[in-house]
Amino acid sequence: MSEHGKTANFGYRKVPFAERQTRVNEVFHSVARRYDLMNDLMSLGSHRLIKRFTLELSAVRAGHAVLDLAGGTGDMAMRFSPLVGADGRVVLADINEDMLRIARDRIIDRGLAGNIDIVRLNGEELPFADDSFDCVCIAYGLRNITDQPRALASMQRVLKPGGRALILEFSRVGNPLLSRAYDAWSALWPAAGKLVTGDAGSYRYLVESIRVHPDQETLLGMLETAGFEQGRYHNVMDGVCAVHVGLKPAGAAA
C-alpha cells in the first residue's frame, strides 16, 4: 500500500501517514529546551538508572562503533563515549535539529566531542553502509518513528553480523495496581509540561504515544520480522519500560 491514503497514530488521533513525522518534529521543537528537566521530573530521576541498565546490556567495549538513533540531547551517546574510547566512535543521530543543537553543546561542555559524531537523519532509512556498527541503540525514540518496521529493518542492515540492537521504550505494566498508579501519575504530565515548558499538548502526545505503542510481545515479533535473532526483552519496573535486545545473525552480512 502506498503512503497515499495511509494513516498513522499521532497519540490517539489518526493523521495522514506523510504528515506524522512533521507533527512529531513540532513536538520536539517545542519541548527541546526543557526536555532534560522534564525527563527528570516525569521519571523522578529513574530514567538515569534505566539508561545505565540498558548500557549494561549493550556489550559495547573499546574500539566499537555505536549508533545512538533518535539520540535527542545526547544522554546515551555520552554514556557510550567512554566505553568505546579513543579508538571507537559513537554516531548520535536524530531527525530534530533543535534536539541535536542542545546535544552538541552538552557534548562539547563535557569534553566528549573527540569520538562522537552528530548526524541529522530520518531513522526509517539510515544513510550508512551495510555492516557498519557493533551496536545500534534507540532509547525512547521508536514510538516517534512513523514506519517502525522499516526503521527496524534499516537498523538490522547497518549492524555488523553478530551486532546488537537495543530498544529502550515505554511498555505495558504487568501489575494492575501499579498500572493504575502509573496511569494516574502520567496523567499529570501535560499539566507539568504546561507549567515547565508552556506546552501541555506535546506532553499529552507523549502520554498517548506510550498508550498506543506496541507491547513487549508485539515488539519482539517485529524484531524477528526485521531479521533479528535471539530476541528477548527485560522489563523494568514491572513493564513501565522494557529493553528489547536482538542480534544480527552472525552469518548474515547485509
C-alpha atoms as a PDB file:
ATOM      1  CA  MET A   1       0.000   0.000   0.000  1.00  0.00           C
ATOM      2  CA  SER A   2       1.390   3.392  -0.958  1.00  0.00           C
ATOM      3  CA  GLU A   3       1.562   6.212   1.564  1.00  0.00           C
ATOM      4  CA  HIS A   4      -1.330   7.911  -0.243  1.00  0.00           C
ATOM      5  CA  GLY A   5      -4.415   7.289   1.844  1.00  0.00           C
ATOM      6  CA  LYS A   6      -2.497   5.668   4.712  1.00  0.00           C
ATOM      7  CA  THR A   7      -2.850   6.970   8.223  1.00  0.00           C
ATOM      8  CA  ALA A   8      -0.663   6.692  11.316  1.00  0.00           C
ATOM      9  CA  ASN A   9      -1.207   7.143  15.028  1.00  0.00           C
ATOM     10  CA  PHE A  10      -0.342  10.534  16.425  1.00  0.00           C
ATOM     11  CA  GLY A  11      -1.233   9.794  20.013  1.00  0.00           C
ATOM     12  CA  TYR A  12      -4.885   8.777  19.938  1.00  0.00           C
ATOM     13  CA  ARG A  13      -5.539  10.571  16.656  1.00  0.00           C
ATOM     14  CA  LYS A  14      -5.145   9.244  13.159  1.00  0.00           C
ATOM     15  CA  VAL A  15      -3.243  11.588  10.836  1.00  0.00           C
ATOM     16  CA  PRO A  16      -2.085  11.201   7.239  1.00  0.00           C
ATOM     17  CA  PHE A  17       0.980   8.966   7.141  1.00  0.00           C
ATOM     18  CA  ALA A  18       3.059  11.574   5.314  1.00  0.00           C
ATOM     19  CA  GLU A  19       2.248  14.262   7.906  1.00  0.00           C
ATOM     20  CA  ARG A  20       3.049  12.382  11.106  1.00  0.00           C
ATOM     21  CA  GLN A  21       6.797  12.999  11.158  1.00  0.00           C
ATOM     22  CA  THR A  22       6.271  16.732  10.741  1.00  0.00           C
ATOM     23  CA  ARG A  23       3.889  16.743  13.680  1.00  0.00           C
ATOM     24  CA  VAL A  24       6.356  14.809  15.836  1.00  0.00           C
ATOM     25  CA  ASN A  25       9.117  17.240  14.862  1.00  0.00           C
ATOM     26  CA  GLU A  26       6.921  20.108  16.031  1.00  0.00           C
ATOM     27  CA  VAL A  27       6.500  18.407  19.415  1.00  0.00           C
ATOM     28  CA  PHE A  28      10.240  18.154  19.973  1.00  0.00           C
ATOM     29  CA  HIS A  29      10.876  21.643  18.625  1.00  0.00           C
ATOM     30  CA  SER A  30       8.511  22.880  21.327  1.00  0.00           C
ATOM     31  CA  VAL A  31       9.984  20.906  24.236  1.00  0.00           C
ATOM     32  CA  ALA A  32      13.694  20.726  23.340  1.00  0.00           C
ATOM     33  CA  ARG A  33      14.884  23.491  25.657  1.00  0.00           C
ATOM     34  CA  ARG A  34      13.388  21.892  28.795  1.00  0.00           C
ATOM     35  CA  TYR A  35      13.467  18.277  27.593  1.00  0.00           C
ATOM     36  CA  ASP A  36      16.060  17.012  30.064  1.00  0.00           C
ATOM     37  CA  LEU A  37      14.471  18.787  33.024  1.00  0.00           C
ATOM     38  CA  MET A  38      11.086  17.279  32.177  1.00  0.00           C
ATOM     39  CA  ASN A  39      12.627  13.808  31.892  1.00  0.00           C
ATOM     40  CA  ASP A  40      13.879  14.123  35.443  1.00  0.00           C
ATOM     41  CA  LEU A  41      10.529  15.396  36.691  1.00  0.00           C
ATOM     42  CA  MET A  42       8.378  12.804  34.915  1.00  0.00           C
ATOM     43  CA  SER A  43      10.564   9.846  35.873  1.00  0.00           C
ATOM     44  CA  LEU A  44      11.582  11.172  39.307  1.00  0.00           C
ATOM     45  CA  GLY A  45      15.136  10.664  38.099  1.00  0.00           C
ATOM     46  CA  SER A  46      14.692   6.953  37.387  1.00  0.00           C
ATOM     47  CA  HIS A  47      15.474   7.351  33.658  1.00  0.00           C
ATOM     48  CA  ARG A  48      19.143   7.642  34.597  1.00  0.00           C
ATOM     49  CA  LEU A  49      19.173   4.211  36.243  1.00  0.00           C
ATOM     50  CA  ILE A  50      17.184   2.691  33.380  1.00  0.00           C
ATOM     51  CA  LYS A  51      19.653   4.037  30.838  1.00  0.00           C
ATOM     52  CA  ARG A  52      22.527   2.647  32.905  1.00  0.00           C
ATOM     53  CA  PHE A  53      20.861  -0.769  32.849  1.00  0.00           C
ATOM     54  CA  THR A  54      20.444  -0.513  29.066  1.00  0.00           C
ATOM     55  CA  LEU A  55      24.118   0.292  28.752  1.00  0.00           C
ATOM     56  CA  GLU A  56      24.994  -2.850  30.705  1.00  0.00           C
ATOM     57  CA  LEU A  57      23.060  -4.933  28.159  1.00  0.00           C
ATOM     58  CA  SER A  58      24.914  -3.420  25.202  1.00  0.00           C
ATOM     59  CA  ALA A  59      28.166  -5.440  25.458  1.00  0.00           C
ATOM     60  CA  VAL A  60      29.906  -2.368  23.993  1.00  0.00           C
ATOM     61  CA  ARG A  61      33.651  -2.190  24.531  1.00  0.00           C
ATOM     62  CA  ALA A  62      36.712  -0.214  23.433  1.00  0.00           C
ATOM     63  CA  GLY A  63      37.029   0.224  19.684  1.00  0.00           C
ATOM     64  CA  HIS A  64      33.374  -0.425  18.897  1.00  0.00           C
ATOM     65  CA  ALA A  65      31.193   1.663  16.609  1.00  0.00           C
ATOM     66  CA  VAL A  66      27.817   2.584  18.119  1.00  0.00           C
ATOM     67  CA  LEU A  67      24.799   4.254  16.533  1.00  0.00           C
ATOM     68  CA  ASP A  68      22.644   6.141  19.049  1.00  0.00           C
ATOM     69  CA  LEU A  69      19.476   6.509  16.991  1.00  0.00           C
ATOM     70  CA  ALA A  70      16.864   9.123  17.904  1.00  0.00           C
ATOM     71  CA  GLY A  71      19.501  10.175  20.405  1.00  0.00           C
ATOM     72  CA  GLY A  72      17.935  13.541  21.204  1.00  0.00           C
ATOM     73  CA  THR A  73      20.007  15.634  23.595  1.00  0.00           C
ATOM     74  CA  GLY A  74      22.777  13.060  23.815  1.00  0.00           C
ATOM     75  CA  ASP A  75      22.228  11.179  27.084  1.00  0.00           C
ATOM     76  CA  MET A  76      23.008   7.726  25.697  1.00  0.00           C
ATOM     77  CA  ALA A  77      25.751   8.929  23.328  1.00  0.00           C
ATOM     78  CA  MET A  78      27.604  10.492  26.247  1.00  0.00           C
ATOM     79  CA  ARG A  79      27.318   7.224  28.161  1.00  0.00           C
ATOM     80  CA  PHE A  80      28.661   5.188  25.229  1.00  0.00           C
ATOM     81  CA  SER A  81      31.550   7.578  24.570  1.00  0.00           C
ATOM     82  CA  PRO A  82      33.908   6.431  27.384  1.00  0.00           C
ATOM     83  CA  LEU A  83      33.062   2.777  26.678  1.00  0.00           C
ATOM     84  CA  VAL A  84      34.229   2.870  23.047  1.00  0.00           C
ATOM     85  CA  GLY A  85      37.263   5.019  23.890  1.00  0.00           C
ATOM     86  CA  ALA A  86      39.551   6.908  21.564  1.00  0.00           C
ATOM     87  CA  ASP A  87      39.642   4.067  19.031  1.00  0.00           C
ATOM     88  CA  GLY A  88      35.873   3.748  18.802  1.00  0.00           C
ATOM     89  CA  ARG A  89      33.145   6.077  17.641  1.00  0.00           C
ATOM     90  CA  VAL A  90      29.603   6.981  18.564  1.00  0.00           C
ATOM     91  CA  VAL A  91      27.212   8.412  15.992  1.00  0.00           C
ATOM     92  CA  LEU A  92      24.471  10.465  17.612  1.00  0.00           C
ATOM     93  CA  ALA A  93      21.601  10.638  15.130  1.00  0.00           C
ATOM     94  CA  ASP A  94      18.249  12.376  15.332  1.00  0.00           C
ATOM     95  CA  ILE A  95      15.811  13.995  12.916  1.00  0.00           C
ATOM     96  CA  ASN A  96      15.236  17.067  15.086  1.00  0.00           C
ATOM     97  CA  GLU A  97      17.771  19.867  14.731  1.00  0.00           C
ATOM     98  CA  ASP A  98      16.696  21.583  17.963  1.00  0.00           C
ATOM     99  CA  MET A  99      17.475  18.475  19.998  1.00  0.00           C
ATOM    100  CA  LEU A 100      20.805  17.980  18.224  1.00  0.00           C
ATOM    101  CA  ARG A 101      21.810  21.582  18.861  1.00  0.00           C
ATOM    102  CA  ILE A 102      21.385  21.034  22.594  1.00  0.00           C
ATOM    103  CA  ALA A 103      23.225  17.712  22.359  1.00  0.00           C
ATOM    104  CA  ARG A 104      26.151  19.370  20.593  1.00  0.00           C
ATOM    105  CA  ASP A 105      26.512  21.962  23.359  1.00  0.00           C
ATOM    106  CA  ARG A 106      26.314  19.316  26.093  1.00  0.00           C
ATOM    107  CA  ILE A 107      28.894  17.104  24.407  1.00  0.00           C
ATOM    108  CA  ILE A 108      31.341  19.978  23.936  1.00  0.00           C
ATOM    109  CA  ASP A 109      30.827  21.135  27.529  1.00  0.00           C
ATOM    110  CA  ARG A 110      31.742  17.653  28.789  1.00  0.00           C
ATOM    111  CA  GLY A 111      34.795  17.328  26.556  1.00  0.00           C
ATOM    112  CA  LEU A 112      33.426  14.311  24.664  1.00  0.00           C
ATOM    113  CA  ALA A 113      33.442  15.660  21.119  1.00  0.00           C
ATOM    114  CA  GLY A 114      36.504  13.610  20.169  1.00  0.00           C
ATOM    115  CA  ASN A 115      34.680  10.363  19.460  1.00  0.00           C
ATOM    116  CA  ILE A 116      31.049  11.456  18.960  1.00  0.00           C
ATOM    117  CA  ASP A 117      29.751  12.413  15.524  1.00  0.00           C
ATOM    118  CA  ILE A 118      26.394  14.164  15.208  1.00  0.00           C
ATOM    119  CA  VAL A 119      24.170  13.449  12.211  1.00  0.00           C
ATOM    120  CA  ARG A 120      20.676  14.652  11.345  1.00  0.00           C
ATOM    121  CA  LEU A 121      18.713  11.886   9.652  1.00  0.00           C
ATOM    122  CA  ASN A 122      15.443  10.011   9.391  1.00  0.00           C
ATOM    123  CA  GLY A 123      15.617   6.712  11.251  1.00  0.00           C
ATOM    124  CA  GLU A 124      13.454   4.974   8.665  1.00  0.00           C
ATOM    125  CA  GLU A 125      16.272   4.924   6.121  1.00  0.00           C
ATOM    126  CA  LEU A 126      19.748   5.078   7.630  1.00  0.00           C
ATOM    127  CA  PRO A 127      22.394   6.571   5.290  1.00  0.00           C
ATOM    128  CA  PHE A 128      25.180   4.247   6.399  1.00  0.00           C
ATOM    129  CA  ALA A 129      26.907   1.349   4.678  1.00  0.00           C
ATOM    130  CA  ASP A 130      25.859  -2.206   5.400  1.00  0.00           C
ATOM    131  CA  ASP A 131      27.542  -3.834   8.414  1.00  0.00           C
ATOM    132  CA  SER A 132      28.825  -0.556   9.908  1.00  0.00           C
ATOM    133  CA  PHE A 133      28.028  -0.748  13.634  1.00  0.00           C
ATOM    134  CA  ASP A 134      28.640  -3.120  16.514  1.00  0.00           C
ATOM    135  CA  CYS A 135      25.608  -1.758  18.351  1.00  0.00           C
ATOM    136  CA  VAL A 136      22.534   0.277  17.454  1.00  0.00           C
ATOM    137  CA  CYS A 137      20.625   1.760  20.381  1.00  0.00           C
ATOM    138  CA  ILE A 138      17.344   3.636  20.307  1.00  0.00           C
ATOM    139  CA  ALA A 139      16.140   4.916  23.692  1.00  0.00           C
ATOM    140  CA  TYR A 140      12.611   6.272  23.992  1.00  0.00           C
ATOM    141  CA  GLY A 141      12.576   7.025  20.281  1.00  0.00           C
ATOM    142  CA  LEU A 142      10.995   4.148  18.389  1.00  0.00           C
ATOM    143  CA  ARG A 143       7.423   5.231  19.091  1.00  0.00           C
ATOM    144  CA  ASN A 144       8.193   8.600  17.478  1.00  0.00           C
ATOM    145  CA  ILE A 145       9.172   6.974  14.172  1.00  0.00           C
ATOM    146  CA  THR A 146       6.279   6.625  11.757  1.00  0.00           C
ATOM    147  CA  ASP A 147       7.296   3.471   9.876  1.00  0.00           C
ATOM    148  CA  GLN A 148       8.719   1.367  12.687  1.00  0.00           C
ATOM    149  CA  PRO A 149       9.160  -1.898  10.706  1.00  0.00           C
ATOM    150  CA  ARG A 150      11.167  -0.021   8.100  1.00  0.00           C
ATOM    151  CA  ALA A 151      13.348   1.530  10.809  1.00  0.00           C
ATOM    152  CA  LEU A 152      13.996  -1.844  12.436  1.00  0.00           C
ATOM    153  CA  ALA A 153      14.988  -3.351   9.090  1.00  0.00           C
ATOM    154  CA  SER A 154      17.345  -0.430   8.465  1.00  0.00           C
ATOM    155  CA  MET A 155      18.892  -0.910  11.919  1.00  0.00           C
ATOM    156  CA  GLN A 156      19.456  -4.585  11.143  1.00  0.00           C
ATOM    157  CA  ARG A 157      21.088  -3.751   7.814  1.00  0.00           C
ATOM    158  CA  VAL A 158      23.677  -1.357   9.263  1.00  0.00           C
ATOM    159  CA  LEU A 159      24.664  -3.689  12.101  1.00  0.00           C
ATOM    160  CA  LYS A 160      27.686  -5.914  11.690  1.00  0.00           C
ATOM    161  CA  PRO A 161      26.997  -9.665  11.738  1.00  0.00           C
ATOM    162  CA  GLY A 162      26.649 -10.570  15.399  1.00  0.00           C
ATOM    163  CA  GLY A 163      25.932  -6.926  16.243  1.00  0.00           C
ATOM    164  CA  ARG A 164      23.328  -5.972  18.808  1.00  0.00           C
ATOM    165  CA  ALA A 165      20.232  -3.783  18.698  1.00  0.00           C
ATOM    166  CA  LEU A 166      18.894  -2.264  21.916  1.00  0.00           C
ATOM    167  CA  ILE A 167      15.434  -0.731  22.102  1.00  0.00           C
ATOM    168  CA  LEU A 168      14.544   1.029  25.341  1.00  0.00           C
ATOM    169  CA  GLU A 169      10.914   2.100  25.320  1.00  0.00           C
ATOM    170  CA  PHE A 170       7.873   2.576  27.490  1.00  0.00           C
ATOM    171  CA  SER A 171       5.802  -0.597  27.541  1.00  0.00           C
ATOM    172  CA  ARG A 172       2.942  -2.404  29.306  1.00  0.00           C
ATOM    173  CA  VAL A 173       2.794  -2.714  33.087  1.00  0.00           C
ATOM    174  CA  GLY A 174       2.013  -6.217  34.337  1.00  0.00           C
ATOM    175  CA  ASN A 175       0.713  -5.457  37.826  1.00  0.00           C
ATOM    176  CA  PRO A 176      -2.836  -3.965  37.744  1.00  0.00           C
ATOM    177  CA  LEU A 177      -2.305  -1.838  40.859  1.00  0.00           C
ATOM    178  CA  LEU A 178       0.980  -0.442  39.547  1.00  0.00           C
ATOM    179  CA  SER A 179      -0.634   0.102  36.153  1.00  0.00           C
ATOM    180  CA  ARG A 180      -3.379   2.252  37.663  1.00  0.00           C
ATOM    181  CA  ALA A 181      -0.877   4.220  39.749  1.00  0.00           C
ATOM    182  CA  TYR A 182       1.328   4.780  36.695  1.00  0.00           C
ATOM    183  CA  ASP A 183      -1.666   5.888  34.616  1.00  0.00           C
ATOM    184  CA  ALA A 184      -2.604   8.396  37.308  1.00  0.00           C
ATOM    185  CA  TRP A 185       0.970   9.712  37.523  1.00  0.00           C
ATOM    186  CA  SER A 186       1.420  10.036  33.762  1.00  0.00           C
ATOM    187  CA  ALA A 187      -1.927  11.838  33.500  1.00  0.00           C
ATOM    188  CA  LEU A 188      -0.233  14.701  35.361  1.00  0.00           C
ATOM    189  CA  TRP A 189       2.497  15.117  32.735  1.00  0.00           C
ATOM    190  CA  PRO A 190       0.594  17.501  30.425  1.00  0.00           C
ATOM    191  CA  ALA A 191      -0.066  19.864  33.336  1.00  0.00           C
ATOM    192  CA  ALA A 192       3.604  19.667  34.321  1.00  0.00           C
ATOM    193  CA  GLY A 193       4.562  20.313  30.713  1.00  0.00           C
ATOM    194  CA  LYS A 194       2.367  23.392  30.669  1.00  0.00           C
ATOM    195  CA  LEU A 195       3.984  24.675  33.863  1.00  0.00           C
ATOM    196  CA  VAL A 196       7.606  23.983  32.879  1.00  0.00           C
ATOM    197  CA  THR A 197       7.614  24.402  29.091  1.00  0.00           C
ATOM    198  CA  GLY A 198       4.382  26.293  28.426  1.00  0.00           C
ATOM    199  CA  ASP A 199       3.192  23.354  26.301  1.00  0.00           C
ATOM    200  CA  ALA A 200       0.627  20.842  27.556  1.00  0.00           C
ATOM    201  CA  GLY A 201      -0.204  19.459  24.113  1.00  0.00           C
ATOM    202  CA  SER A 202       3.230  17.988  23.451  1.00  0.00           C
ATOM    203  CA  TYR A 203       3.164  16.071  26.724  1.00  0.00           C
ATOM    204  CA  ARG A 204      -0.384  14.919  26.016  1.00  0.00           C
ATOM    205  CA  TYR A 205       1.015  13.418  22.797  1.00  0.00           C
ATOM    206  CA  LEU A 206       3.802  11.802  24.844  1.00  0.00           C
ATOM    207  CA  VAL A 207       1.323  10.075  27.172  1.00  0.00           C
ATOM    208  CA  GLU A 208      -0.919   8.973  24.308  1.00  0.00           C
ATOM    209  CA  SER A 209       2.021   7.715  22.237  1.00  0.00           C
ATOM    210  CA  ILE A 210       3.003   5.446  25.133  1.00  0.00           C
ATOM    211  CA  ARG A 211      -0.512   4.019  25.323  1.00  0.00           C
ATOM    212  CA  VAL A 212      -0.650   3.090  21.628  1.00  0.00           C
ATOM    213  CA  HIS A 213       2.928   1.791  21.324  1.00  0.00           C
ATOM    214  CA  PRO A 214       3.267  -1.970  20.717  1.00  0.00           C
ATOM    215  CA  ASP A 215       3.508  -4.095  23.849  1.00  0.00           C
ATOM    216  CA  GLN A 216       6.508  -6.273  24.716  1.00  0.00           C
ATOM    217  CA  GLU A 217       5.490  -9.381  22.779  1.00  0.00           C
ATOM    218  CA  THR A 218       4.367  -7.429  19.722  1.00  0.00           C
ATOM    219  CA  LEU A 219       7.659  -5.574  19.539  1.00  0.00           C
ATOM    220  CA  LEU A 220       9.539  -8.844  19.982  1.00  0.00           C
ATOM    221  CA  GLY A 221       7.714 -10.183  16.935  1.00  0.00           C
ATOM    222  CA  MET A 222       8.614  -7.036  14.991  1.00  0.00           C
ATOM    223  CA  LEU A 223      12.292  -7.642  15.773  1.00  0.00           C
ATOM    224  CA  GLU A 224      12.044 -11.185  14.438  1.00  0.00           C
ATOM    225  CA  THR A 225      10.297  -9.981  11.271  1.00  0.00           C
ATOM    226  CA  ALA A 226      13.121  -7.455  10.744  1.00  0.00           C
ATOM    227  CA  GLY A 227      15.655 -10.295  10.717  1.00  0.00           C
ATOM    228  CA  PHE A 228      16.985 -10.239  14.269  1.00  0.00           C
ATOM    229  CA  GLU A 229      17.663 -13.432  16.177  1.00  0.00           C
ATOM    230  CA  GLN A 230      17.849 -14.338  19.877  1.00  0.00           C
ATOM    231  CA  GLY A 231      15.307 -11.616  20.582  1.00  0.00           C
ATOM    232  CA  ARG A 232      14.401 -11.050  24.201  1.00  0.00           C
ATOM    233  CA  TYR A 233      13.241  -8.270  26.483  1.00  0.00           C
ATOM    234  CA  HIS A 234      13.856  -7.166  30.036  1.00  0.00           C
ATOM    235  CA  ASN A 235      11.029  -5.470  31.901  1.00  0.00           C
ATOM    236  CA  VAL A 236      11.947  -2.520  34.095  1.00  0.00           C
ATOM    237  CA  MET A 237       9.629  -1.507  36.950  1.00  0.00           C
ATOM    238  CA  ASP A 238       7.287  -4.363  36.017  1.00  0.00           C
ATOM    239  CA  GLY A 239       6.949  -3.159  32.449  1.00  0.00           C
ATOM    240  CA  VAL A 240       6.742   0.621  32.784  1.00  0.00           C
ATOM    241  CA  CYS A 241       9.708   0.348  30.427  1.00  0.00           C
ATOM    242  CA  ALA A 242      11.247  -2.581  28.604  1.00  0.00           C
ATOM    243  CA  VAL A 243      14.607  -3.094  26.947  1.00  0.00           C
ATOM    244  CA  HIS A 244      14.420  -5.305  23.850  1.00  0.00           C
ATOM    245  CA  VAL A 245      17.605  -6.912  22.576  1.00  0.00           C
ATOM    246  CA  GLY A 246      18.137  -8.536  19.197  1.00  0.00           C
ATOM    247  CA  LEU A 247      21.224  -9.803  17.364  1.00  0.00           C
ATOM    248  CA  LYS A 248      22.007  -9.707  13.678  1.00  0.00           C
ATOM    249  CA  PRO A 249      22.735 -13.300  12.654  1.00  0.00           C
ATOM    250  CA  ALA A 250      26.481 -13.948  12.658  1.00  0.00           C
ATOM    251  CA  GLY A 251      26.460 -15.212   9.077  1.00  0.00           C
ATOM    252  CA  ALA A 252      24.147 -12.525   7.749  1.00  0.00           C
ATOM    253  CA  ALA A 253      26.256  -9.891   6.041  1.00  0.00           C
ATOM    254  CA  ALA A 254      23.810  -7.434   4.510  1.00  0.00           C
END
